[in-house]
Amino acid sequence: MQNRLKEADENNSILLRTLNETLGKLSAIPNDTAIRVQAAKDKARQANDTANDVLVQIKDLNQNLLGLRNNYSKLVDEVAKTNAAVKDPVKNRNSIINMTIALAFSL
């Protein structure tokens, strides 16, 4: 019986020592952890909002670039037609007038 009490006392001492070590580790964790986690979440939310804003701006720029590319293609076609008409002005007199008007409006 005394052996059992002695073993129980030793086990109790081990458990108490382990508990104190665990409490020491827990007390080393800052009390403001929840505040820090919330601050990190807020920063992540702000970064996400900024990324979405930048994405919208990039989409707008892409639309503008597509429009510029289309205008440039039309301009190249008109210049090619004008060059062809200039090489044969008698044949393309009316074409020159129409292309000049179209070119002026595309600028």
C-alpha atoms as a PDB file:
ATOM      1  CA  MET A   1       0.000   0.000   0.000  1.00  0.00           C
ATOM      2  CA  GLN A   2       2.826   2.363   0.864  1.00  0.00           C
ATOM      3  CA  ASN A   3       4.481   1.486  -2.426  1.00  0.00           C
ATOM      4  CA  ARG A   4       1.320   2.434  -4.246  1.00  0.00           C
ATOM      5  CA  LEU A   5       1.157   5.735  -2.383  1.00  0.00           C
ATOM      6  CA  LYS A   6       4.807   6.371  -3.149  1.00  0.00           C
ATOM      7  CA  GLU A   7       4.240   5.636  -6.865  1.00  0.00           C
ATOM      8  CA  ALA A   8       1.161   7.855  -6.898  1.00  0.00           C
ATOM      9  CA  ASP A   9       3.155  10.623  -5.206  1.00  0.00           C
ATOM     10  CA  GLU A  10       5.908  10.294  -7.827  1.00  0.00           C
ATOM     11  CA  ASN A  11       3.347  10.326 -10.655  1.00  0.00           C
ATOM     12  CA  ASN A  12       1.716  13.351  -9.079  1.00  0.00           C
ATOM     13  CA  SER A  13       5.086  15.115  -8.922  1.00  0.00           C
ATOM     14  CA  ILE A  14       5.754  14.318 -12.601  1.00  0.00           C
ATOM     15  CA  LEU A  15       2.306  15.559 -13.607  1.00  0.00           C
ATOM     16  CA  LEU A  16       2.724  18.718 -11.534  1.00  0.00           C
ATOM     17  CA  ARG A  17       6.141  19.418 -13.086  1.00  0.00           C
ATOM     18  CA  THR A  18       4.729  18.839 -16.607  1.00  0.00           C
ATOM     19  CA  LEU A  19       1.765  21.091 -15.837  1.00  0.00           C
ATOM     20  CA  ASN A  20       4.060  23.867 -14.612  1.00  0.00           C
ATOM     21  CA  GLU A  21       6.214  23.552 -17.739  1.00  0.00           C
ATOM     22  CA  THR A  22       3.108  23.765 -19.926  1.00  0.00           C
ATOM     23  CA  LEU A  23       1.808  26.777 -18.022  1.00  0.00           C
ATOM     24  CA  GLY A  24       5.215  28.408 -18.462  1.00  0.00           C
ATOM     25  CA  LYS A  25       5.031  27.864 -22.210  1.00  0.00           C
ATOM     26  CA  LEU A  26       1.495  29.210 -22.326  1.00  0.00           C
ATOM     27  CA  SER A  27       2.435  32.284 -20.333  1.00  0.00           C
ATOM     28  CA  ALA A  28       5.183  33.006 -22.878  1.00  0.00           C
ATOM     29  CA  ILE A  29       2.503  33.517 -25.561  1.00  0.00           C
ATOM     30  CA  PRO A  30       1.664  37.233 -25.748  1.00  0.00           C
ATOM     31  CA  ASN A  31      -1.751  38.248 -24.474  1.00  0.00           C
ATOM     32  CA  ASP A  32      -2.365  40.363 -27.565  1.00  0.00           C
ATOM     33  CA  THR A  33      -2.252  37.425 -29.997  1.00  0.00           C
ATOM     34  CA  ALA A  34      -5.918  37.829 -30.943  1.00  0.00           C
ATOM     35  CA  ILE A  35      -5.347  41.516 -31.643  1.00  0.00           C
ATOM     36  CA  ARG A  36      -2.333  40.697 -33.802  1.00  0.00           C
ATOM     37  CA  VAL A  37      -4.247  38.060 -35.740  1.00  0.00           C
ATOM     38  CA  GLN A  38      -7.093  40.508 -36.363  1.00  0.00           C
ATOM     39  CA  ALA A  39      -4.609  43.168 -37.519  1.00  0.00           C
ATOM     40  CA  ALA A  40      -3.074  40.655 -39.940  1.00  0.00           C
ATOM     41  CA  LYS A  41      -6.533  39.812 -41.274  1.00  0.00           C
ATOM     42  CA  ASP A  42      -7.279  43.520 -41.747  1.00  0.00           C
ATOM     43  CA  LYS A  43      -4.020  44.025 -43.652  1.00  0.00           C
ATOM     44  CA  ALA A  44      -4.786  41.007 -45.833  1.00  0.00           C
ATOM     45  CA  ARG A  45      -8.259  42.399 -46.554  1.00  0.00           C
ATOM     46  CA  GLN A  46      -6.743  45.776 -47.519  1.00  0.00           C
ATOM     47  CA  ALA A  47      -4.214  44.055 -49.789  1.00  0.00           C
ATOM     48  CA  ASN A  48      -7.017  42.100 -51.441  1.00  0.00           C
ATOM     49  CA  ASP A  49      -9.036  45.285 -52.007  1.00  0.00           C
ATOM     50  CA  THR A  50      -5.979  46.993 -53.507  1.00  0.00           C
ATOM     51  CA  ALA A  51      -5.353  44.005 -55.775  1.00  0.00           C
ATOM     52  CA  ASN A  52      -8.962  44.130 -56.976  1.00  0.00           C
ATOM     53  CA  ASP A  53      -8.670  47.869 -57.691  1.00  0.00           C
ATOM     54  CA  VAL A  54      -5.477  47.299 -59.675  1.00  0.00           C
ATOM     55  CA  LEU A  55      -7.161  44.491 -61.606  1.00  0.00           C
ATOM     56  CA  VAL A  56     -10.013  46.814 -62.588  1.00  0.00           C
ATOM     57  CA  GLN A  57      -7.504  49.431 -63.762  1.00  0.00           C
ATOM     58  CA  ILE A  58      -5.612  46.816 -65.782  1.00  0.00           C
ATOM     59  CA  LYS A  59      -8.852  45.721 -67.446  1.00  0.00           C
ATOM     60  CA  ASP A  60      -9.593  49.348 -68.364  1.00  0.00           C
ATOM     61  CA  LEU A  61      -6.079  49.783 -69.779  1.00  0.00           C
ATOM     62  CA  ASN A  62      -6.483  46.590 -71.764  1.00  0.00           C
ATOM     63  CA  GLN A  63      -9.732  47.872 -73.273  1.00  0.00           C
ATOM     64  CA  ASN A  64      -8.033  51.144 -74.182  1.00  0.00           C
ATOM     65  CA  LEU A  65      -5.118  49.293 -75.777  1.00  0.00           C
ATOM     66  CA  LEU A  66      -7.478  47.123 -77.796  1.00  0.00           C
ATOM     67  CA  GLY A  67      -9.227  50.249 -79.057  1.00  0.00           C
ATOM     68  CA  LEU A  68      -5.903  51.847 -79.961  1.00  0.00           C
ATOM     69  CA  ARG A  69      -4.826  48.700 -81.773  1.00  0.00           C
ATOM     70  CA  ASN A  70      -8.034  48.688 -83.802  1.00  0.00           C
ATOM     71  CA  ASN A  71      -7.591  52.362 -84.671  1.00  0.00           C
ATOM     72  CA  TYR A  72      -3.973  51.725 -85.655  1.00  0.00           C
ATOM     73  CA  SER A  73      -5.001  48.825 -87.903  1.00  0.00           C
ATOM     74  CA  LYS A  74      -7.588  51.017 -89.621  1.00  0.00           C
ATOM     75  CA  LEU A  75      -4.998  53.759 -90.046  1.00  0.00           C
ATOM     76  CA  VAL A  76      -2.493  51.324 -91.574  1.00  0.00           C
ATOM     77  CA  ASP A  77      -5.156  50.118 -94.020  1.00  0.00           C
ATOM     78  CA  GLU A  78      -6.066  53.677 -94.985  1.00  0.00           C
ATOM     79  CA  VAL A  79      -2.408  54.624 -95.478  1.00  0.00           C
ATOM     80  CA  ALA A  80      -1.902  51.557 -97.680  1.00  0.00           C
ATOM     81  CA  LYS A  81      -4.962  52.486 -99.758  1.00  0.00           C
ATOM     82  CA  THR A  82      -3.773  56.080-100.015  1.00  0.00           C
ATOM     83  CA  ASN A  83      -0.310  54.952-101.116  1.00  0.00           C
ATOM     84  CA  ALA A  84      -1.853  52.717-103.761  1.00  0.00           C
ATOM     85  CA  ALA A  85      -4.071  55.575-104.972  1.00  0.00           C
ATOM     86  CA  VAL A  86      -1.145  57.984-105.111  1.00  0.00           C
ATOM     87  CA  LYS A  87       0.757  55.561-107.339  1.00  0.00           C
ATOM     88  CA  ASP A  88      -2.135  55.582-109.849  1.00  0.00           C
ATOM     89  CA  PRO A  89      -3.954  58.937-109.333  1.00  0.00           C
ATOM     90  CA  VAL A  90      -5.963  58.907-112.553  1.00  0.00           C
ATOM     91  CA  LYS A  91      -7.529  55.561-111.785  1.00  0.00           C
ATOM     92  CA  ASN A  92      -8.148  56.305-108.128  1.00  0.00           C
ATOM     93  CA  ARG A  93      -9.144  60.008-108.084  1.00  0.00           C
ATOM     94  CA  ASN A  94     -12.391  59.388-106.181  1.00  0.00           C
ATOM     95  CA  SER A  95     -10.663  56.898-103.873  1.00  0.00           C
ATOM     96  CA  ILE A  96      -8.087  59.519-102.893  1.00  0.00           C
ATOM     97  CA  ILE A  97     -10.810  61.959-101.887  1.00  0.00           C
ATOM     98  CA  ASN A  98     -12.701  59.326 -99.878  1.00  0.00           C
ATOM     99  CA  MET A  99      -9.551  58.020 -98.180  1.00  0.00           C
ATOM    100  CA  THR A 100      -8.352  61.504 -97.301  1.00  0.00           C
ATOM    101  CA  ILE A 101     -11.693  62.228 -95.659  1.00  0.00           C
ATOM    102  CA  ALA A 102     -11.632  58.872 -93.814  1.00  0.00           C
ATOM    103  CA  LEU A 103      -8.036  59.440 -92.721  1.00  0.00           C
ATOM    104  CA  ALA A 104      -8.858  62.880 -91.368  1.00  0.00           C
ATOM    105  CA  PHE A 105     -11.734  61.485 -89.309  1.00  0.00           C
ATOM    106  CA  SER A 106      -9.690  58.583 -87.933  1.00  0.00           C
ATOM    107  CA  LEU A 107      -7.107  60.931 -86.420  1.00  0.00           C
END
